[in-house]
Protein backbone atom coordinates (compact mmCIF):
# COMPACT_ATOMS: atom_id res chain seq x y z
CA MET A 1 -0.09 -0.11 -0.17
CA ILE A 2 1.04 3.53 -0.76
CA ARG A 3 -0.41 6.36 0.89
CA LYS A 4 0.71 9.98 1.78
CA ALA A 5 2.32 10.44 5.62
CA GLY A 6 1.20 12.56 8.04
CA PRO A 7 2.81 14.27 10.79
CA GLU A 8 2.07 11.42 13.39
CA ASP A 9 4.53 9.37 10.53
CA ALA A 10 7.29 11.08 11.64
CA VAL A 11 8.98 9.09 14.04
CA ALA A 12 8.08 5.92 12.26
CA ILE A 13 9.77 7.63 8.66
CA ALA A 14 12.94 9.12 10.65
CA ALA A 15 13.62 5.66 12.01
CA PHE A 16 13.21 3.98 8.47
CA LEU A 17 15.15 6.41 6.60
CA ASP A 18 18.31 6.18 9.47
CA ALA A 19 18.52 2.40 8.91
CA HIS A 20 19.46 3.84 5.42
CA ILE A 21 21.11 7.18 5.89
CA GLU A 22 24.33 7.20 3.18
CA THR A 23 21.24 7.29 0.65
CA SER A 24 18.78 9.17 2.57
CA MET A 25 20.32 12.69 3.77
CA PHE A 26 18.49 15.10 1.88
CA LEU A 27 14.93 13.25 3.04
CA LEU A 28 16.14 12.73 6.50
CA GLY A 29 17.47 15.89 7.00
CA ASN A 30 14.16 17.99 5.12
CA LEU A 31 12.25 15.89 7.53
CA GLU A 32 14.26 17.08 10.68
CA ALA A 33 14.29 20.68 9.86
CA HIS A 34 11.10 21.26 7.79
CA GLY A 35 8.55 18.46 8.99
CA ILE A 36 5.94 16.98 7.22
CA GLY A 37 3.46 18.88 4.86
CA ASN A 38 5.36 22.31 4.96
CA THR A 39 4.35 24.41 2.22
CA ASP A 40 6.17 27.33 2.43
CA HIS A 41 10.11 26.49 2.20
CA PRO A 42 11.78 24.96 -0.71
CA TYR A 43 13.13 22.13 0.93
CA GLY A 44 9.39 21.54 2.41
CA THR A 45 8.47 18.06 1.51
CA HIS A 46 5.62 16.01 1.07
CA TYR A 47 6.17 11.99 2.10
CA PHE A 48 4.61 8.96 0.40
CA LEU A 49 4.78 5.60 2.38
CA ARG A 50 4.88 2.46 1.09
CA GLU A 51 3.66 -0.04 3.56
CA THR A 52 3.34 -3.48 4.56
CA GLY A 53 2.28 -5.50 7.86
CA ASP A 54 5.58 -5.14 9.00
CA GLY A 55 5.60 -1.60 8.69
CA ILE A 56 7.42 1.02 6.46
CA THR A 57 9.39 -0.36 3.65
CA GLY A 58 10.19 2.69 1.81
CA VAL A 59 9.43 6.61 1.62
CA PHE A 60 9.34 8.82 -1.13
CA GLY A 61 9.63 12.72 -1.02
CA CYS A 62 8.48 15.78 -3.13
CA ALA A 63 9.85 18.95 -2.15
CA ASN A 64 8.51 22.37 -2.89
CA GLY A 65 11.03 23.38 -5.10
CA GLY A 66 11.25 20.83 -7.52
CA MET A 67 13.35 17.80 -6.01
CA LEU A 68 12.26 14.46 -5.95
CA MET A 69 14.04 11.97 -3.06
CA CYS A 70 13.51 8.16 -2.90
CA GLN A 71 14.18 5.31 -0.55
CA LEU A 72 12.13 2.60 -2.05
CA PRO A 73 14.63 -0.90 -1.52
CA GLY A 74 13.50 -3.64 -3.87
CA LEU A 75 11.54 -0.95 -6.20
CA LYS A 76 10.10 -2.09 -9.22
CA LYS A 77 8.99 -0.67 -12.68
CA THR A 78 5.12 -0.98 -11.85
CA GLU A 79 6.03 0.74 -8.21
CA ALA A 80 7.58 3.36 -10.13
CA GLN A 81 5.02 3.95 -12.62
CA THR A 82 2.36 4.52 -9.49
CA TYR A 83 4.88 7.40 -8.14
CA ALA A 84 4.52 9.06 -11.82
CA HIS A 85 0.61 9.12 -11.44
CA LEU A 86 1.04 10.67 -8.33
CA LEU A 87 3.29 13.27 -9.79
CA GLN A 88 0.59 14.72 -12.42
CA GLY A 89 0.65 18.64 -11.74
CA TYR A 90 4.29 18.63 -9.51
CA ARG A 91 6.76 21.08 -11.05
CA LEU A 92 9.81 18.79 -11.44
CA GLN A 93 13.53 20.51 -11.19
CA GLY A 94 15.69 17.28 -10.22
CA MET A 95 15.81 14.23 -8.37
CA THR A 96 18.68 12.08 -6.05
CA GLY A 97 19.12 8.69 -4.60
CA ALA A 98 19.96 5.63 -4.85
CA SER A 99 21.28 4.44 -8.12
CA ASP A 100 19.17 1.39 -8.32
CA GLN A 101 15.91 3.13 -7.60
CA VAL A 102 16.45 7.09 -9.03
CA GLY A 103 16.73 5.80 -12.99
CA LEU A 104 13.08 3.74 -12.35
CA ILE A 105 11.21 6.75 -11.63
CA LEU A 106 12.84 8.93 -14.19
CA ASP A 107 11.97 6.68 -16.96
CA ALA A 108 8.43 6.28 -15.84
CA LEU A 109 7.64 10.31 -15.83
CA PRO A 110 6.70 11.97 -18.95
CA VAL A 111 10.17 14.01 -19.61
CA PRO A 112 11.56 13.97 -23.14
CA ALA A 113 15.75 12.59 -22.79
CA ASP A 114 17.18 15.98 -24.01
CA ALA A 115 15.01 18.06 -21.26
CA TRP A 116 17.61 16.79 -18.85
CA GLN A 117 20.83 19.34 -18.14
CA LEU A 118 22.31 16.37 -15.83
CA ARG A 119 21.84 12.78 -15.51
CA ARG A 120 24.27 11.20 -13.65
CA THR A 121 25.36 8.22 -11.42
CA GLU A 122 28.44 9.27 -9.04
CA PRO A 123 30.15 7.38 -6.57
CA LEU A 124 29.20 7.56 -2.96
CA TYR A 125 31.84 7.94 0.02
CA ALA A 126 31.16 7.85 4.15
CA LEU A 127 33.67 9.01 6.87
CA GLN A 128 33.66 8.30 10.42
CA ILE A 129 35.36 11.98 11.02
CA ALA A 130 37.00 10.46 14.18
CA ASP A 131 39.20 8.34 11.53
CA MET A 132 39.82 11.37 8.95
CA LEU A 133 43.25 11.36 7.73
CA CYS A 134 43.86 14.97 7.35
CA ASP A 135 45.31 17.60 9.55
CA ALA A 136 42.90 20.44 10.76
CA ALA A 137 42.96 23.59 8.54
CA GLU A 138 41.79 27.13 8.99
CA THR A 139 38.40 27.87 8.22
CA ARG A 140 35.71 30.05 8.61
CA PRO A 141 31.84 30.64 7.87
CA ALA A 142 31.33 32.16 4.60
CA GLY A 143 29.14 35.76 5.86
CA PRO A 144 27.82 38.40 4.02
CA GLU A 145 30.94 40.12 3.03
CA ASP A 146 31.97 37.07 1.01
CA ARG A 147 28.87 37.27 -1.32
CA ASN A 148 30.76 38.09 -4.43
CA LEU A 149 33.69 35.72 -3.61
CA LEU A 150 30.53 33.02 -3.59
CA THR A 151 28.99 33.97 -6.77
CA GLU A 152 32.06 34.16 -8.67
CA TRP A 153 33.39 30.64 -7.12
CA PHE A 154 29.79 28.94 -8.08
CA ALA A 155 29.53 30.04 -11.42
CA PRO A 156 32.21 27.83 -12.84
CA PHE A 157 31.14 25.09 -10.00
CA SER A 158 27.98 24.70 -11.43
CA VAL A 159 29.29 24.53 -14.89
CA GLU A 160 31.95 21.88 -13.73
CA THR A 161 29.70 19.58 -12.05
CA GLY A 162 26.97 19.72 -14.61
CA LEU A 163 24.46 21.63 -12.46
CA ALA A 164 23.95 24.66 -14.96
CA ALA A 165 24.97 25.54 -18.71
CA PRO A 166 27.24 28.01 -19.12
CA ASP A 167 24.32 30.26 -19.80
CA ALA A 168 22.66 29.97 -16.85
CA ALA A 169 25.67 29.71 -15.03
CA LYS A 170 25.92 33.40 -13.32
CA GLN A 171 22.09 33.06 -12.15
CA ALA A 172 22.71 29.58 -10.78
CA ALA A 173 25.72 31.13 -8.74
CA THR A 174 23.34 34.21 -7.39
CA ASP A 175 20.80 31.81 -6.16
CA ARG A 176 23.21 29.28 -4.85
CA ALA A 177 25.49 32.08 -3.24
CA ALA A 178 22.35 33.61 -1.59
CA LEU A 179 21.06 30.37 -0.14
CA ALA A 180 24.81 29.38 0.93
CA LEU A 181 24.73 32.87 3.22
CA ALA A 182 21.26 31.71 4.29
CA GLN A 183 22.06 28.38 5.72
CA GLY A 184 25.32 29.53 7.08
CA ARG A 185 26.94 26.12 6.37
CA THR A 186 29.48 27.02 3.87
CA HIS A 187 33.02 27.46 5.37
CA LEU A 188 36.28 28.73 3.51
CA LEU A 189 39.78 27.65 3.64
CA ILE A 190 42.00 30.62 5.02
CA GLU A 191 45.86 31.02 3.56
CA ASP A 192 47.59 34.04 4.47
CA GLY A 193 44.33 35.75 5.62
CA ALA A 194 42.38 34.55 2.13
CA PRO A 195 39.69 32.26 0.84
CA VAL A 196 41.10 30.03 -1.54
CA ALA A 197 38.62 27.21 -1.47
CA MET A 198 35.24 26.34 0.24
CA ALA A 199 32.93 23.08 1.23
CA ALA A 200 29.38 23.15 2.70
CA ILE A 201 27.33 20.90 4.60
CA THR A 202 24.55 20.42 2.17
CA ALA A 203 22.25 18.10 4.50
CA GLN A 204 22.32 17.60 8.01
CA ALA A 205 20.63 14.52 9.81
CA GLY A 206 21.31 13.55 13.55
CA THR A 207 25.06 13.10 14.06
CA ALA A 208 25.38 12.80 9.86
CA VAL A 209 26.33 15.29 7.91
CA GLN A 210 26.22 15.45 4.09
CA VAL A 211 29.16 17.10 2.21
CA GLY A 212 28.74 19.46 -0.97
CA GLY A 213 29.84 22.53 -2.76
CA VAL A 214 33.68 21.99 -2.52
CA TYR A 215 35.81 24.07 -5.18
CA VAL A 216 39.00 25.50 -5.10
CA PRO A 217 39.91 27.94 -8.41
CA PRO A 218 42.04 25.86 -10.88
CA PRO A 219 45.17 28.13 -10.39
CA LEU A 220 45.47 26.66 -6.67
CA ARG A 221 44.81 23.04 -7.66
CA GLY A 222 46.85 20.23 -6.65
CA GLN A 223 48.17 21.17 -3.89
CA GLY A 224 45.86 19.63 -1.29
CA ARG A 225 43.24 22.52 -0.50
CA GLY A 226 39.84 20.74 -1.54
CA GLY A 227 41.06 17.87 1.22
CA ARG A 228 42.00 20.37 3.20
CA VAL A 229 38.91 22.87 3.11
CA VAL A 230 36.46 19.70 3.63
CA ALA A 231 38.59 18.53 6.68
CA GLY A 232 38.22 21.83 8.48
CA LEU A 233 34.56 21.69 7.63
CA LEU A 234 34.38 18.27 9.15
CA ARG A 235 36.47 19.34 12.46
CA HIS A 236 33.68 21.73 13.01
CA VAL A 237 30.85 20.23 12.90
CA ALA A 238 32.42 17.45 14.93
CA SER A 239 32.84 20.06 17.49
CA LYS A 240 29.31 20.50 17.22
CA GLY A 241 28.39 16.73 17.52
CA ALA A 242 28.41 15.20 14.11
CA ALA A 243 30.10 11.92 13.87
CA ARG A 244 29.56 10.56 10.39
CA ALA A 245 30.36 12.26 6.98
CA ILE A 246 28.70 11.48 3.46
CA LEU A 247 29.49 12.82 0.17
CA PHE A 248 29.13 11.80 -3.43
CA ALA A 249 32.04 12.95 -5.70
CA ALA A 250 31.54 14.57 -9.37
CA SER A 251 34.67 13.43 -10.77
CA GLU A 252 37.76 10.86 -10.33
CA ARG A 253 39.57 13.66 -9.61
CA ALA A 254 37.42 14.80 -6.71
CA ALA A 255 37.36 11.36 -5.60
CA ARG A 256 41.03 10.81 -5.21
CA VAL A 257 40.95 13.99 -2.88
CA TYR A 258 38.07 12.66 -0.80
CA GLU A 259 39.87 9.40 -0.61
CA ARG A 260 43.33 10.69 0.54
CA ILE A 261 41.19 12.27 3.48
CA GLY A 262 39.97 8.62 4.81
CA PHE A 263 36.35 8.59 2.94
CA LEU A 264 35.53 4.78 1.77
CA ARG A 265 33.34 4.32 -1.23
CA ILE A 266 30.15 2.61 -0.26
CA GLY A 267 27.89 2.62 -3.15
CA SER A 268 26.80 4.68 -5.93
CA TYR A 269 24.03 7.94 -6.09
CA ASP A 270 22.30 9.49 -9.06
CA ILE A 271 21.92 13.20 -9.29
CA ALA A 272 19.48 14.35 -12.19
CA MET A 273 18.63 17.75 -12.89
CA LEU A 274 16.23 19.49 -15.87
CA ARG A 275 17.71 22.29 -17.77
CA SER A 276 14.68 24.23 -16.36
CA PRO A 277 11.74 23.14 -14.27
CA LEU A 278 8.57 21.64 -16.02
CA THR A 279 5.13 20.66 -15.12
CA LEU A 280 4.46 16.94 -15.07
CA GLY A 281 1.20 15.58 -17.04
CA PRO A 282 0.05 12.14 -17.27
CA PRO A 283 2.86 9.40 -17.49
CA THR A 284 3.22 7.95 -21.09
C-alpha cells in the first residue's frame, strides 16, 4: 500500500530512513528541518509511504522546490509508474537518490530525454569523522562580505559539476550564493588571510552530515586544498556533535581527494537536474 504521510508518521519515517542514512540524507534532513507537509520552504517535503504489515518499507519525497527523493529498496517498474501518476501537476526540477531506484522513477516520468541538463551516477563515500586522515585546517564560515566571492566561485562550480549550462551559470551562482549565506553552512579555507577554497554541509540529520559545494579555483588546485577545506569543515561540525560524513563525488579527481583524507566508497548515488523546471503531465 502507498499512502501520503501525515505529521503522526514522522517518528516512524525517521527510524526507517536512519537505517538507510547513506542514501537518505536529503529526505531525513528535510524531515528534521521542516517536518511533514511544510508548503512554504523550498525544502519542505511531502512524503509518501510504502507499507506492509511490518510497517514502512519505502519512502518517496517531493520537495516544494521541485526535487524528488526516494528510499525505496526493491523498487520495481510497476511501483515506479505509481509515483509517476501521483506526480501529475508537480513542477519538477530534478531528483537524487540511490542509483538502483532513481533511474526507474525517472524513466516512468513523461520527461523528454533532451530536457535533462544532468543525469549521472556518482560514487558515494562515507567517513567516520574521528578517522579522518588529515590535519585540521583554518576555515571560517562564509559571511555577507563573501557574497561576491561565492557568486564568482559558484558559477564555474555549477558548470564543472554539470548543475548548470554555461549560459545559466551566472544566475545559478547568484541563487546558490544567496542560499549558502542564508543557511550559514558554507566554510572557506583561509591561507595568509585570504579564502582559497570552499566546502559546505548540504544536509544534516542527527549526527550525520552530507558534504557538497567543494570548490578550489583552478590556479590553486593540485596542492591539497580540496581535502583541507573539507577536513576543516568536518572538524568544525564534529565540535558541534557530528560523527559521520557522507558525500558523492562529481569527478575522479574529486574522488581521489576524498579518498586521501579517509573517505571510503560505499556505493553509488544518482543526481539528475532539468535544464529548466517543467510541470509533469500524465505518464506515457
